[in-house]
Amino acid sequence: MIVLDGARMDSRAGLHAELREKLSLPDYYGNNLDALNDCLGELGERQLVVIESAGALLEADAAYAARLLRVFSDNGMQVLLD
C-alpha cells in the first residue's frame, strides 16, 4: 500500500514531489503525468494507493487530479480517497 498526502499535493509541483518521494520514482522522472504513466508501467507492481486529505488535491486542480487517478487506474492500481 502506498499512502500519499493530498495536503502536500495542492500544486502540480507538490503533487509530483510527493509522487517522486512516496513511489521512489527514478531520477529521470519528468514531473508530469506522461512520465508517471511510463514509470508505473515500468514498475509492473500493482498496489493500493491511499490519498489522505484528498480534498486538498481535488480543490487545487480537480481536472489534473482526475487525470492522475486515470493514470493510476490505467496501470492497474486501485485508489482510495480519504
N, C-alpha and C. Protein backbone atom coordinates (compact mmCIF):
# COMPACT_ATOMS: atom_id res chain seq x y z
N MET A 1 0.85 -1.17 0.00
CA MET A 1 0.00 0.00 0.00
C MET A 1 0.90 1.24 0.00
N ILE A 2 0.50 2.20 -0.80
CA ILE A 2 1.20 3.47 -0.90
C ILE A 2 0.27 4.55 -0.34
N VAL A 3 0.75 5.32 0.62
CA VAL A 3 -0.05 6.39 1.22
C VAL A 3 0.52 7.73 0.78
N LEU A 4 -0.32 8.51 0.10
CA LEU A 4 0.06 9.84 -0.37
C LEU A 4 -0.66 10.89 0.48
N ASP A 5 -0.03 12.01 0.71
CA ASP A 5 -0.60 13.11 1.48
C ASP A 5 -1.16 14.16 0.52
N GLY A 6 -2.48 14.16 0.35
CA GLY A 6 -3.12 15.11 -0.55
C GLY A 6 -2.87 16.56 -0.17
N ALA A 7 -2.64 16.83 1.11
CA ALA A 7 -2.36 18.20 1.55
C ALA A 7 -1.04 18.70 0.96
N ARG A 8 -0.12 17.79 0.68
CA ARG A 8 1.16 18.17 0.06
C ARG A 8 1.04 18.23 -1.46
N MET A 9 -0.12 17.84 -1.98
CA MET A 9 -0.32 17.76 -3.42
C MET A 9 -1.25 18.86 -3.92
N ASP A 10 -1.20 20.04 -3.28
CA ASP A 10 -2.11 21.13 -3.62
C ASP A 10 -1.59 22.01 -4.76
N SER A 11 -0.51 21.58 -5.38
CA SER A 11 0.01 22.22 -6.60
C SER A 11 0.61 21.11 -7.44
N ARG A 12 0.83 21.38 -8.70
CA ARG A 12 1.42 20.34 -9.55
C ARG A 12 2.83 20.00 -9.09
N ALA A 13 3.58 21.01 -8.70
CA ALA A 13 4.94 20.76 -8.20
C ALA A 13 4.90 19.91 -6.93
N GLY A 14 3.99 20.25 -6.03
CA GLY A 14 3.85 19.48 -4.79
C GLY A 14 3.39 18.06 -5.05
N LEU A 15 2.46 17.91 -5.99
CA LEU A 15 1.96 16.60 -6.36
C LEU A 15 3.09 15.71 -6.86
N HIS A 16 3.90 16.24 -7.76
CA HIS A 16 4.96 15.42 -8.33
C HIS A 16 6.09 15.17 -7.33
N ALA A 17 6.33 16.11 -6.41
CA ALA A 17 7.32 15.87 -5.35
C ALA A 17 6.85 14.73 -4.45
N GLU A 18 5.58 14.72 -4.10
CA GLU A 18 5.02 13.66 -3.26
C GLU A 18 5.08 12.32 -3.98
N LEU A 19 4.72 12.31 -5.25
CA LEU A 19 4.78 11.07 -6.03
C LEU A 19 6.22 10.55 -6.12
N ARG A 20 7.14 11.45 -6.40
CA ARG A 20 8.56 11.07 -6.54
C ARG A 20 9.04 10.40 -5.24
N GLU A 21 8.70 11.02 -4.12
CA GLU A 21 9.16 10.50 -2.83
C GLU A 21 8.48 9.18 -2.47
N LYS A 22 7.17 9.16 -2.49
CA LYS A 22 6.44 8.00 -1.98
C LYS A 22 6.48 6.80 -2.92
N LEU A 23 6.64 7.05 -4.21
CA LEU A 23 6.70 5.94 -5.17
C LEU A 23 8.14 5.57 -5.52
N SER A 24 9.09 6.27 -4.90
CA SER A 24 10.52 6.04 -5.18
C SER A 24 10.79 6.06 -6.69
N LEU A 25 10.31 7.12 -7.33
CA LEU A 25 10.47 7.24 -8.77
C LEU A 25 11.93 7.54 -9.13
N PRO A 26 12.37 7.12 -10.30
CA PRO A 26 13.77 7.29 -10.69
C PRO A 26 14.14 8.76 -10.91
N ASP A 27 15.43 9.02 -10.93
CA ASP A 27 15.95 10.38 -11.11
C ASP A 27 15.47 11.01 -12.41
N TYR A 28 15.22 10.20 -13.42
CA TYR A 28 14.81 10.74 -14.72
C TYR A 28 13.31 11.03 -14.80
N TYR A 29 12.59 10.84 -13.71
CA TYR A 29 11.15 11.13 -13.70
C TYR A 29 10.92 12.57 -14.12
N GLY A 30 10.04 12.77 -15.09
CA GLY A 30 9.87 14.08 -15.70
C GLY A 30 8.85 15.01 -15.07
N ASN A 31 8.33 14.68 -13.90
CA ASN A 31 7.39 15.55 -13.18
C ASN A 31 6.17 15.93 -14.00
N ASN A 32 5.61 14.96 -14.70
CA ASN A 32 4.34 15.16 -15.40
C ASN A 32 3.62 13.81 -15.47
N LEU A 33 2.37 13.83 -15.85
CA LEU A 33 1.57 12.60 -15.82
C LEU A 33 1.98 11.60 -16.89
N ASP A 34 2.51 12.06 -18.01
CA ASP A 34 3.02 11.12 -19.02
C ASP A 34 4.22 10.35 -18.45
N ALA A 35 5.09 11.06 -17.76
CA ALA A 35 6.25 10.41 -17.15
C ALA A 35 5.81 9.45 -16.05
N LEU A 36 4.80 9.84 -15.27
CA LEU A 36 4.28 8.95 -14.24
C LEU A 36 3.74 7.68 -14.87
N ASN A 37 2.98 7.81 -15.95
CA ASN A 37 2.45 6.65 -16.64
C ASN A 37 3.57 5.72 -17.09
N ASP A 38 4.61 6.29 -17.66
CA ASP A 38 5.76 5.49 -18.10
C ASP A 38 6.41 4.76 -16.93
N CYS A 39 6.63 5.47 -15.82
CA CYS A 39 7.29 4.88 -14.67
C CYS A 39 6.44 3.79 -14.02
N LEU A 40 5.14 4.02 -13.92
CA LEU A 40 4.27 3.00 -13.34
C LEU A 40 4.26 1.75 -14.21
N GLY A 41 4.30 1.94 -15.52
CA GLY A 41 4.35 0.81 -16.43
C GLY A 41 5.61 0.00 -16.25
N GLU A 42 6.72 0.68 -15.94
CA GLU A 42 8.00 0.00 -15.73
C GLU A 42 8.04 -0.74 -14.40
N LEU A 43 7.32 -0.22 -13.39
CA LEU A 43 7.33 -0.85 -12.07
C LEU A 43 6.69 -2.24 -12.12
N GLY A 44 5.61 -2.35 -12.87
CA GLY A 44 4.93 -3.62 -13.01
C GLY A 44 4.27 -4.12 -11.73
N GLU A 45 4.39 -3.38 -10.66
CA GLU A 45 3.84 -3.78 -9.37
C GLU A 45 2.52 -3.06 -9.14
N ARG A 46 1.46 -3.79 -8.96
CA ARG A 46 0.13 -3.20 -8.75
C ARG A 46 -0.14 -3.10 -7.26
N GLN A 47 -0.47 -1.91 -6.80
CA GLN A 47 -0.69 -1.70 -5.38
C GLN A 47 -1.93 -0.86 -5.15
N LEU A 48 -2.34 -0.83 -3.90
CA LEU A 48 -3.40 0.07 -3.47
C LEU A 48 -2.75 1.41 -3.14
N VAL A 49 -3.34 2.49 -3.66
CA VAL A 49 -2.87 3.85 -3.37
C VAL A 49 -3.94 4.53 -2.53
N VAL A 50 -3.55 5.03 -1.36
CA VAL A 50 -4.45 5.77 -0.49
C VAL A 50 -4.01 7.23 -0.53
N ILE A 51 -4.94 8.11 -0.86
CA ILE A 51 -4.63 9.54 -0.85
C ILE A 51 -5.36 10.16 0.33
N GLU A 52 -4.59 10.44 1.39
CA GLU A 52 -5.15 11.08 2.57
C GLU A 52 -5.33 12.57 2.29
N SER A 53 -6.29 13.19 2.93
CA SER A 53 -6.59 14.61 2.71
C SER A 53 -6.78 14.89 1.23
N ALA A 54 -7.51 14.01 0.57
CA ALA A 54 -7.70 14.12 -0.88
C ALA A 54 -8.44 15.40 -1.27
N GLY A 55 -9.20 15.96 -0.36
CA GLY A 55 -9.93 17.19 -0.66
C GLY A 55 -9.01 18.31 -1.09
N ALA A 56 -7.83 18.41 -0.48
CA ALA A 56 -6.88 19.47 -0.85
C ALA A 56 -6.42 19.30 -2.28
N LEU A 57 -6.16 18.07 -2.68
CA LEU A 57 -5.76 17.78 -4.06
C LEU A 57 -6.88 18.12 -5.02
N LEU A 58 -8.08 17.69 -4.70
CA LEU A 58 -9.23 17.91 -5.59
C LEU A 58 -9.58 19.39 -5.70
N GLU A 59 -9.49 20.12 -4.61
CA GLU A 59 -9.80 21.54 -4.63
C GLU A 59 -8.77 22.34 -5.41
N ALA A 60 -7.52 21.93 -5.35
CA ALA A 60 -6.44 22.67 -6.01
C ALA A 60 -6.56 22.61 -7.53
N ASP A 61 -6.87 21.44 -8.06
CA ASP A 61 -6.95 21.27 -9.52
C ASP A 61 -7.68 19.97 -9.83
N ALA A 62 -9.00 20.04 -9.83
CA ALA A 62 -9.83 18.85 -9.98
C ALA A 62 -9.57 18.12 -11.30
N ALA A 63 -9.36 18.86 -12.37
CA ALA A 63 -9.14 18.22 -13.67
C ALA A 63 -7.82 17.45 -13.69
N TYR A 64 -6.78 18.04 -13.10
CA TYR A 64 -5.47 17.37 -13.05
C TYR A 64 -5.54 16.15 -12.12
N ALA A 65 -6.27 16.30 -11.02
CA ALA A 65 -6.46 15.18 -10.09
C ALA A 65 -7.17 14.03 -10.79
N ALA A 66 -8.17 14.34 -11.59
CA ALA A 66 -8.89 13.29 -12.33
C ALA A 66 -7.95 12.59 -13.31
N ARG A 67 -7.08 13.35 -13.95
CA ARG A 67 -6.10 12.74 -14.86
C ARG A 67 -5.13 11.85 -14.10
N LEU A 68 -4.72 12.28 -12.90
CA LEU A 68 -3.83 11.47 -12.06
C LEU A 68 -4.50 10.14 -11.72
N LEU A 69 -5.75 10.21 -11.31
CA LEU A 69 -6.48 8.99 -10.96
C LEU A 69 -6.60 8.06 -12.16
N ARG A 70 -6.77 8.63 -13.33
CA ARG A 70 -6.85 7.83 -14.55
C ARG A 70 -5.53 7.12 -14.83
N VAL A 71 -4.41 7.80 -14.61
CA VAL A 71 -3.10 7.18 -14.81
C VAL A 71 -2.93 5.99 -13.87
N PHE A 72 -3.31 6.17 -12.61
CA PHE A 72 -3.25 5.05 -11.67
C PHE A 72 -4.13 3.89 -12.15
N SER A 73 -5.34 4.21 -12.52
CA SER A 73 -6.29 3.18 -12.98
C SER A 73 -5.78 2.47 -14.22
N ASP A 74 -5.26 3.22 -15.17
CA ASP A 74 -4.74 2.63 -16.41
C ASP A 74 -3.58 1.67 -16.15
N ASN A 75 -2.93 1.84 -15.01
CA ASN A 75 -1.81 0.97 -14.65
C ASN A 75 -2.19 -0.08 -13.63
N GLY A 76 -3.48 -0.33 -13.49
CA GLY A 76 -3.97 -1.40 -12.64
C GLY A 76 -3.88 -1.15 -11.15
N MET A 77 -3.78 0.11 -10.76
CA MET A 77 -3.69 0.45 -9.34
C MET A 77 -5.05 0.91 -8.85
N GLN A 78 -5.41 0.44 -7.68
CA GLN A 78 -6.65 0.89 -7.04
C GLN A 78 -6.35 2.09 -6.17
N VAL A 79 -7.26 3.06 -6.17
CA VAL A 79 -7.04 4.29 -5.39
C VAL A 79 -8.20 4.47 -4.42
N LEU A 80 -7.85 4.78 -3.19
CA LEU A 80 -8.82 5.08 -2.16
C LEU A 80 -8.61 6.53 -1.74
N LEU A 81 -9.65 7.36 -1.86
CA LEU A 81 -9.57 8.76 -1.45
C LEU A 81 -10.06 8.85 -0.03
N ASP A 82 -9.26 9.45 0.82
CA ASP A 82 -9.60 9.54 2.24
C ASP A 82 -9.72 11.00 2.64
